[in-house]
Amino acid sequence: MKKVVRIEGLDCANCAAKIERAVQALDGVQAANLSFLTGKLTLEVEEAKLASVLEGVKSAARRVEPDAVVKA
């Protein structure tokens, strides 16, 4: 399934790339693309694992960018 998540408070494109790579490594994620300019993270994810993937997205964003806010 396709899911779009907003991540607000990204400071740089490098941080966005780090978050994108961390999300791509999560179990259940088939594809992830994070646009630094728009703050939109587009996910292709297994529907059964959506809740755990969203928690992983929040964790990855906090780890890389402590001030970032994930809005699912």
PDB file of N, CA and C in Angstrom:
ATOM      1  N   MET A   1       0.839  -1.173   0.000  1.00  0.00           N
ATOM      2  CA  MET A   1       0.000   0.000   0.000  1.00  0.00           C
ATOM      3  C   MET A   1       0.882   1.233   0.000  1.00  0.00           C
ATOM      4  N   LYS A   2       0.357   2.316  -0.516  1.00  0.00           N
ATOM      5  CA  LYS A   2       1.089   3.571  -0.568  1.00  0.00           C
ATOM      6  C   LYS A   2       0.603   4.475   0.567  1.00  0.00           C
ATOM      7  N   LYS A   3       1.560   5.118   1.253  1.00  0.00           N
ATOM      8  CA  LYS A   3       1.245   5.999   2.373  1.00  0.00           C
ATOM      9  C   LYS A   3       2.151   7.219   2.289  1.00  0.00           C
ATOM     10  N   VAL A   4       1.569   8.404   2.485  1.00  0.00           N
ATOM     11  CA  VAL A   4       2.343   9.642   2.499  1.00  0.00           C
ATOM     12  C   VAL A   4       2.323  10.201   3.919  1.00  0.00           C
ATOM     13  N   VAL A   5       3.517  10.507   4.424  1.00  0.00           N
ATOM     14  CA  VAL A   5       3.697  11.015   5.781  1.00  0.00           C
ATOM     15  C   VAL A   5       4.442  12.336   5.691  1.00  0.00           C
ATOM     16  N   ARG A   6       4.047  13.305   6.498  1.00  0.00           N
ATOM     17  CA  ARG A   6       4.753  14.587   6.529  1.00  0.00           C
ATOM     18  C   ARG A   6       5.763  14.579   7.667  1.00  0.00           C
ATOM     19  N   ILE A   7       6.943  15.111   7.374  1.00  0.00           N
ATOM     20  CA  ILE A   7       7.972  15.286   8.393  1.00  0.00           C
ATOM     21  C   ILE A   7       8.339  16.763   8.401  1.00  0.00           C
ATOM     22  N   GLU A   8       7.990  17.433   9.475  1.00  0.00           N
ATOM     23  CA  GLU A   8       8.257  18.868   9.593  1.00  0.00           C
ATOM     24  C   GLU A   8       9.501  19.092  10.447  1.00  0.00           C
ATOM     25  N   GLY A   9      10.230  20.145  10.126  1.00  0.00           N
ATOM     26  CA  GLY A   9      11.391  20.513  10.922  1.00  0.00           C
ATOM     27  C   GLY A   9      12.701  19.948  10.422  1.00  0.00           C
ATOM     28  N   LEU A  10      12.746  19.530   9.155  1.00  0.00           N
ATOM     29  CA  LEU A  10      14.000  19.044   8.588  1.00  0.00           C
ATOM     30  C   LEU A  10      14.930  20.230   8.350  1.00  0.00           C
ATOM     31  N   ASP A  11      16.179  20.102   8.821  1.00  0.00           N
ATOM     32  CA  ASP A  11      17.124  21.206   8.697  1.00  0.00           C
ATOM     33  C   ASP A  11      17.963  21.166   7.430  1.00  0.00           C
ATOM     34  N   CYS A  12      18.234  19.967   6.923  1.00  0.00           N
ATOM     35  CA  CYS A  12      19.101  19.903   5.739  1.00  0.00           C
ATOM     36  C   CYS A  12      18.775  18.674   4.896  1.00  0.00           C
ATOM     37  N   ALA A  13      19.203  18.720   3.646  1.00  0.00           N
ATOM     38  CA  ALA A  13      18.956  17.618   2.719  1.00  0.00           C
ATOM     39  C   ALA A  13      19.712  16.360   3.153  1.00  0.00           C
ATOM     40  N   ASN A  14      20.875  16.524   3.761  1.00  0.00           N
ATOM     41  CA  ASN A  14      21.649  15.382   4.224  1.00  0.00           C
ATOM     42  C   ASN A  14      20.889  14.622   5.313  1.00  0.00           C
ATOM     43  N   CYS A  15      20.272  15.352   6.225  1.00  0.00           N
ATOM     44  CA  CYS A  15      19.466  14.716   7.285  1.00  0.00           C
ATOM     45  C   CYS A  15      18.274  13.972   6.674  1.00  0.00           C
ATOM     46  N   ALA A  16      17.653  14.571   5.678  1.00  0.00           N
ATOM     47  CA  ALA A  16      16.529  13.920   5.001  1.00  0.00           C
ATOM     48  C   ALA A  16      16.991  12.618   4.349  1.00  0.00           C
ATOM     49  N   ALA A  17      18.169  12.628   3.747  1.00  0.00           N
ATOM     50  CA  ALA A  17      18.700  11.419   3.112  1.00  0.00           C
ATOM     51  C   ALA A  17      18.987  10.340   4.150  1.00  0.00           C
ATOM     52  N   LYS A  18      19.493  10.725   5.315  1.00  0.00           N
ATOM     53  CA  LYS A  18      19.755   9.757   6.387  1.00  0.00           C
ATOM     54  C   LYS A  18      18.457   9.124   6.871  1.00  0.00           C
ATOM     55  N   ILE A  19      17.420   9.941   7.030  1.00  0.00           N
ATOM     56  CA  ILE A  19      16.120   9.418   7.465  1.00  0.00           C
ATOM     57  C   ILE A  19      15.568   8.472   6.410  1.00  0.00           C
ATOM     58  N   GLU A  20      15.677   8.868   5.141  1.00  0.00           N
ATOM     59  CA  GLU A  20      15.183   8.030   4.047  1.00  0.00           C
ATOM     60  C   GLU A  20      15.872   6.662   4.054  1.00  0.00           C
ATOM     61  N   ARG A  21      17.183   6.638   4.207  1.00  0.00           N
ATOM     62  CA  ARG A  21      17.916   5.367   4.233  1.00  0.00           C
ATOM     63  C   ARG A  21      17.495   4.515   5.432  1.00  0.00           C
ATOM     64  N   ALA A  22      17.308   5.138   6.582  1.00  0.00           N
ATOM     65  CA  ALA A  22      16.887   4.403   7.778  1.00  0.00           C
ATOM     66  C   ALA A  22      15.501   3.803   7.579  1.00  0.00           C
ATOM     67  N   VAL A  23      14.603   4.533   6.959  1.00  0.00           N
ATOM     68  CA  VAL A  23      13.237   4.050   6.724  1.00  0.00           C
ATOM     69  C   VAL A  23      13.254   2.915   5.703  1.00  0.00           C
ATOM     70  N   GLN A  24      14.083   3.029   4.666  1.00  0.00           N
ATOM     71  CA  GLN A  24      14.172   1.969   3.663  1.00  0.00           C
ATOM     72  C   GLN A  24      14.625   0.647   4.265  1.00  0.00           C
ATOM     73  N   ALA A  25      15.381   0.708   5.352  1.00  0.00           N
ATOM     74  CA  ALA A  25      15.888  -0.505   6.002  1.00  0.00           C
ATOM     75  C   ALA A  25      14.867  -1.164   6.934  1.00  0.00           C
ATOM     76  N   LEU A  26      13.740  -0.499   7.191  1.00  0.00           N
ATOM     77  CA  LEU A  26      12.727  -1.053   8.090  1.00  0.00           C
ATOM     78  C   LEU A  26      12.041  -2.258   7.464  1.00  0.00           C
ATOM     79  N   ASP A  27      11.706  -3.223   8.315  1.00  0.00           N
ATOM     80  CA  ASP A  27      10.999  -4.417   7.868  1.00  0.00           C
ATOM     81  C   ASP A  27       9.598  -4.035   7.389  1.00  0.00           C
ATOM     82  N   GLY A  28       9.245  -4.466   6.194  1.00  0.00           N
ATOM     83  CA  GLY A  28       7.930  -4.178   5.636  1.00  0.00           C
ATOM     84  C   GLY A  28       7.919  -3.032   4.644  1.00  0.00           C
ATOM     85  N   VAL A  29       9.011  -2.295   4.559  1.00  0.00           N
ATOM     86  CA  VAL A  29       9.089  -1.168   3.623  1.00  0.00           C
ATOM     87  C   VAL A  29       9.664  -1.660   2.300  1.00  0.00           C
ATOM     88  N   GLN A  30       8.900  -1.464   1.222  1.00  0.00           N
ATOM     89  CA  GLN A  30       9.375  -1.850  -0.097  1.00  0.00           C
ATOM     90  C   GLN A  30      10.080  -0.688  -0.791  1.00  0.00           C
ATOM     91  N   ALA A  31       9.632   0.544  -0.514  1.00  0.00           N
ATOM     92  CA  ALA A  31      10.259   1.736  -1.088  1.00  0.00           C
ATOM     93  C   ALA A  31       9.939   2.935  -0.204  1.00  0.00           C
ATOM     94  N   ALA A  32      10.879   3.873  -0.162  1.00  0.00           N
ATOM     95  CA  ALA A  32      10.682   5.101   0.600  1.00  0.00           C
ATOM     96  C   ALA A  32      11.381   6.240  -0.132  1.00  0.00           C
ATOM     97  N   ASN A  33      10.705   7.384  -0.210  1.00  0.00           N
ATOM     98  CA  ASN A  33      11.272   8.558  -0.862  1.00  0.00           C
ATOM     99  C   ASN A  33      10.889   9.779  -0.040  1.00  0.00           C
ATOM    100  N   LEU A  34      11.893  10.474   0.505  1.00  0.00           N
ATOM    101  CA  LEU A  34      11.657  11.658   1.324  1.00  0.00           C
ATOM    102  C   LEU A  34      12.140  12.891   0.578  1.00  0.00           C
ATOM    103  N   SER A  35      11.232  13.820   0.334  1.00  0.00           N
ATOM    104  CA  SER A  35      11.573  15.085  -0.317  1.00  0.00           C
ATOM    105  C   SER A  35      11.884  16.120   0.751  1.00  0.00           C
ATOM    106  N   PHE A  36      13.110  16.625   0.739  1.00  0.00           N
ATOM    107  CA  PHE A  36      13.513  17.646   1.703  1.00  0.00           C
ATOM    108  C   PHE A  36      12.698  18.926   1.506  1.00  0.00           C
ATOM    109  N   LEU A  37      12.443  19.295   0.262  1.00  0.00           N
ATOM    110  CA  LEU A  37      11.738  20.552  -0.018  1.00  0.00           C
ATOM    111  C   LEU A  37      10.300  20.554   0.472  1.00  0.00           C
ATOM    112  N   THR A  38       9.600  19.444   0.293  1.00  0.00           N
ATOM    113  CA  THR A  38       8.193  19.397   0.684  1.00  0.00           C
ATOM    114  C   THR A  38       7.983  18.761   2.055  1.00  0.00           C
ATOM    115  N   GLY A  39       8.964  17.998   2.521  1.00  0.00           N
ATOM    116  CA  GLY A  39       8.819  17.293   3.796  1.00  0.00           C
ATOM    117  C   GLY A  39       7.897  16.096   3.699  1.00  0.00           C
ATOM    118  N   LYS A  40       7.662  15.599   2.485  1.00  0.00           N
ATOM    119  CA  LYS A  40       6.774  14.453   2.301  1.00  0.00           C
ATOM    120  C   LYS A  40       7.579  13.178   2.138  1.00  0.00           C
ATOM    121  N   LEU A  41       7.232  12.197   2.954  1.00  0.00           N
ATOM    122  CA  LEU A  41       7.818  10.863   2.862  1.00  0.00           C
ATOM    123  C   LEU A  41       6.775   9.955   2.223  1.00  0.00           C
ATOM    124  N   THR A  42       7.091   9.440   1.052  1.00  0.00           N
ATOM    125  CA  THR A  42       6.191   8.536   0.349  1.00  0.00           C
ATOM    126  C   THR A  42       6.682   7.118   0.569  1.00  0.00           C
ATOM    127  N   LEU A  43       5.811   6.284   1.102  1.00  0.00           N
ATOM    128  CA  LEU A  43       6.156   4.911   1.448  1.00  0.00           C
ATOM    129  C   LEU A  43       5.369   3.909   0.620  1.00  0.00           C
ATOM    130  N   GLU A  44       6.023   2.838   0.249  1.00  0.00           N
ATOM    131  CA  GLU A  44       5.361   1.634  -0.255  1.00  0.00           C
ATOM    132  C   GLU A  44       5.595   0.604   0.841  1.00  0.00           C
ATOM    133  N   VAL A  45       4.518   0.208   1.514  1.00  0.00           N
ATOM    134  CA  VAL A  45       4.666  -0.621   2.708  1.00  0.00           C
ATOM    135  C   VAL A  45       3.621  -1.736   2.713  1.00  0.00           C
ATOM    136  N   GLU A  46       3.982  -2.855   3.342  1.00  0.00           N
ATOM    137  CA  GLU A  46       3.025  -3.940   3.528  1.00  0.00           C
ATOM    138  C   GLU A  46       1.960  -3.454   4.505  1.00  0.00           C
ATOM    139  N   GLU A  47       0.713  -3.618   4.154  1.00  0.00           N
ATOM    140  CA  GLU A  47      -0.387  -3.093   4.972  1.00  0.00           C
ATOM    141  C   GLU A  47      -0.380  -3.662   6.390  1.00  0.00           C
ATOM    142  N   ALA A  48      -0.030  -4.914   6.534  1.00  0.00           N
ATOM    143  CA  ALA A  48      -0.035  -5.553   7.853  1.00  0.00           C
ATOM    144  C   ALA A  48       1.036  -4.968   8.781  1.00  0.00           C
ATOM    145  N   LYS A  49       2.059  -4.364   8.214  1.00  0.00           N
ATOM    146  CA  LYS A  49       3.164  -3.829   9.018  1.00  0.00           C
ATOM    147  C   LYS A  49       3.158  -2.307   9.094  1.00  0.00           C
ATOM    148  N   LEU A  50       2.074  -1.670   8.681  1.00  0.00           N
ATOM    149  CA  LEU A  50       2.017  -0.213   8.632  1.00  0.00           C
ATOM    150  C   LEU A  50       2.259   0.431   9.993  1.00  0.00           C
ATOM    151  N   ALA A  51       1.634  -0.062  11.036  1.00  0.00           N
ATOM    152  CA  ALA A  51       1.776   0.544  12.366  1.00  0.00           C
ATOM    153  C   ALA A  51       3.224   0.489  12.850  1.00  0.00           C
ATOM    154  N   SER A  52       3.876  -0.648  12.687  1.00  0.00           N
ATOM    155  CA  SER A  52       5.271  -0.753  13.134  1.00  0.00           C
ATOM    156  C   SER A  52       6.195   0.087  12.268  1.00  0.00           C
ATOM    157  N   VAL A  53       5.893   0.202  10.987  1.00  0.00           N
ATOM    158  CA  VAL A  53       6.705   1.041  10.106  1.00  0.00           C
ATOM    159  C   VAL A  53       6.581   2.508  10.506  1.00  0.00           C
ATOM    160  N   LEU A  54       5.378   2.961  10.834  1.00  0.00           N
ATOM    161  CA  LEU A  54       5.192   4.355  11.241  1.00  0.00           C
ATOM    162  C   LEU A  54       5.947   4.648  12.538  1.00  0.00           C
ATOM    163  N   GLU A  55       5.968   3.707  13.464  1.00  0.00           N
ATOM    164  CA  GLU A  55       6.757   3.882  14.691  1.00  0.00           C
ATOM    165  C   GLU A  55       8.248   3.953  14.352  1.00  0.00           C
ATOM    166  N   GLY A  56       8.679   3.137  13.394  1.00  0.00           N
ATOM    167  CA  GLY A  56      10.068   3.163  12.952  1.00  0.00           C
ATOM    168  C   GLY A  56      10.433   4.481  12.290  1.00  0.00           C
ATOM    169  N   VAL A  57       9.503   5.045  11.531  1.00  0.00           N
ATOM    170  CA  VAL A  57       9.719   6.350  10.890  1.00  0.00           C
ATOM    171  C   VAL A  57       9.912   7.415  11.966  1.00  0.00           C
ATOM    172  N   LYS A  58       9.057   7.407  12.976  1.00  0.00           N
ATOM    173  CA  LYS A  58       9.169   8.387  14.065  1.00  0.00           C
ATOM    174  C   LYS A  58      10.494   8.243  14.789  1.00  0.00           C
ATOM    175  N   SER A  59      10.894   7.018  15.051  1.00  0.00           N
ATOM    176  CA  SER A  59      12.150   6.754  15.746  1.00  0.00           C
ATOM    177  C   SER A  59      13.347   7.230  14.919  1.00  0.00           C
ATOM    178  N   ALA A  60      13.343   6.921  13.625  1.00  0.00           N
ATOM    179  CA  ALA A  60      14.438   7.329  12.743  1.00  0.00           C
ATOM    180  C   ALA A  60      14.529   8.845  12.651  1.00  0.00           C
ATOM    181  N   ALA A  61      13.386   9.501  12.547  1.00  0.00           N
ATOM    182  CA  ALA A  61      13.372  10.966  12.443  1.00  0.00           C
ATOM    183  C   ALA A  61      13.909  11.599  13.723  1.00  0.00           C
ATOM    184  N   ARG A  62      13.514  11.082  14.881  1.00  0.00           N
ATOM    185  CA  ARG A  62      14.008  11.623  16.160  1.00  0.00           C
ATOM    186  C   ARG A  62      15.509  11.409  16.326  1.00  0.00           C
ATOM    187  N   ARG A  63      15.984  10.255  15.867  1.00  0.00           N
ATOM    188  CA  ARG A  63      17.396   9.933  15.993  1.00  0.00           C
ATOM    189  C   ARG A  63      18.259  10.885  15.161  1.00  0.00           C
ATOM    190  N   VAL A  64      17.825  11.172  13.941  1.00  0.00           N
ATOM    191  CA  VAL A  64      18.607  12.011  13.030  1.00  0.00           C
ATOM    192  C   VAL A  64      18.348  13.493  13.266  1.00  0.00           C
ATOM    193  N   GLU A  65      17.089  13.842  13.479  1.00  0.00           N
ATOM    194  CA  GLU A  65      16.668  15.242  13.592  1.00  0.00           C
ATOM    195  C   GLU A  65      15.758  15.362  14.814  1.00  0.00           C
ATOM    196  N   PRO A  66      16.319  15.615  16.000  1.00  0.00           N
ATOM    197  CA  PRO A  66      15.521  15.613  17.242  1.00  0.00           C
ATOM    198  C   PRO A  66      14.324  16.557  17.244  1.00  0.00           C
ATOM    199  N   ASP A  67      14.374  17.633  16.468  1.00  0.00           N
ATOM    200  CA  ASP A  67      13.263  18.591  16.440  1.00  0.00           C
ATOM    201  C   ASP A  67      12.207  18.269  15.394  1.00  0.00           C
ATOM    202  N   ALA A  68      12.419  17.228  14.621  1.00  0.00           N
ATOM    203  CA  ALA A  68      11.475  16.872  13.562  1.00  0.00           C
ATOM    204  C   ALA A  68      10.173  16.335  14.141  1.00  0.00           C
ATOM    205  N   VAL A  69       9.073  16.641  13.464  1.00  0.00           N
ATOM    206  CA  VAL A  69       7.746  16.174  13.872  1.00  0.00           C
ATOM    207  C   VAL A  69       7.157  15.358  12.731  1.00  0.00           C
ATOM    208  N   VAL A  70       6.788  14.110  13.028  1.00  0.00           N
ATOM    209  CA  VAL A  70       6.200  13.222  12.035  1.00  0.00           C
ATOM    210  C   VAL A  70       4.697  13.275  12.167  1.00  0.00           C
ATOM    211  N   LYS A  71       4.023  13.591  11.061  1.00  0.00           N
ATOM    212  CA  LYS A  71       2.557  13.637  11.040  1.00  0.00           C
ATOM    213  C   LYS A  71       2.047  12.602  10.058  1.00  0.00           C
ATOM    214  N   ALA A  72       1.528  11.507  10.608  1.00  0.00           N
ATOM    215  CA  ALA A  72       1.052  10.397   9.774  1.00  0.00           C
ATOM    216  C   ALA A  72      -0.363  10.609   9.316  1.00  0.00           C
TER     217      ALA A  72
END
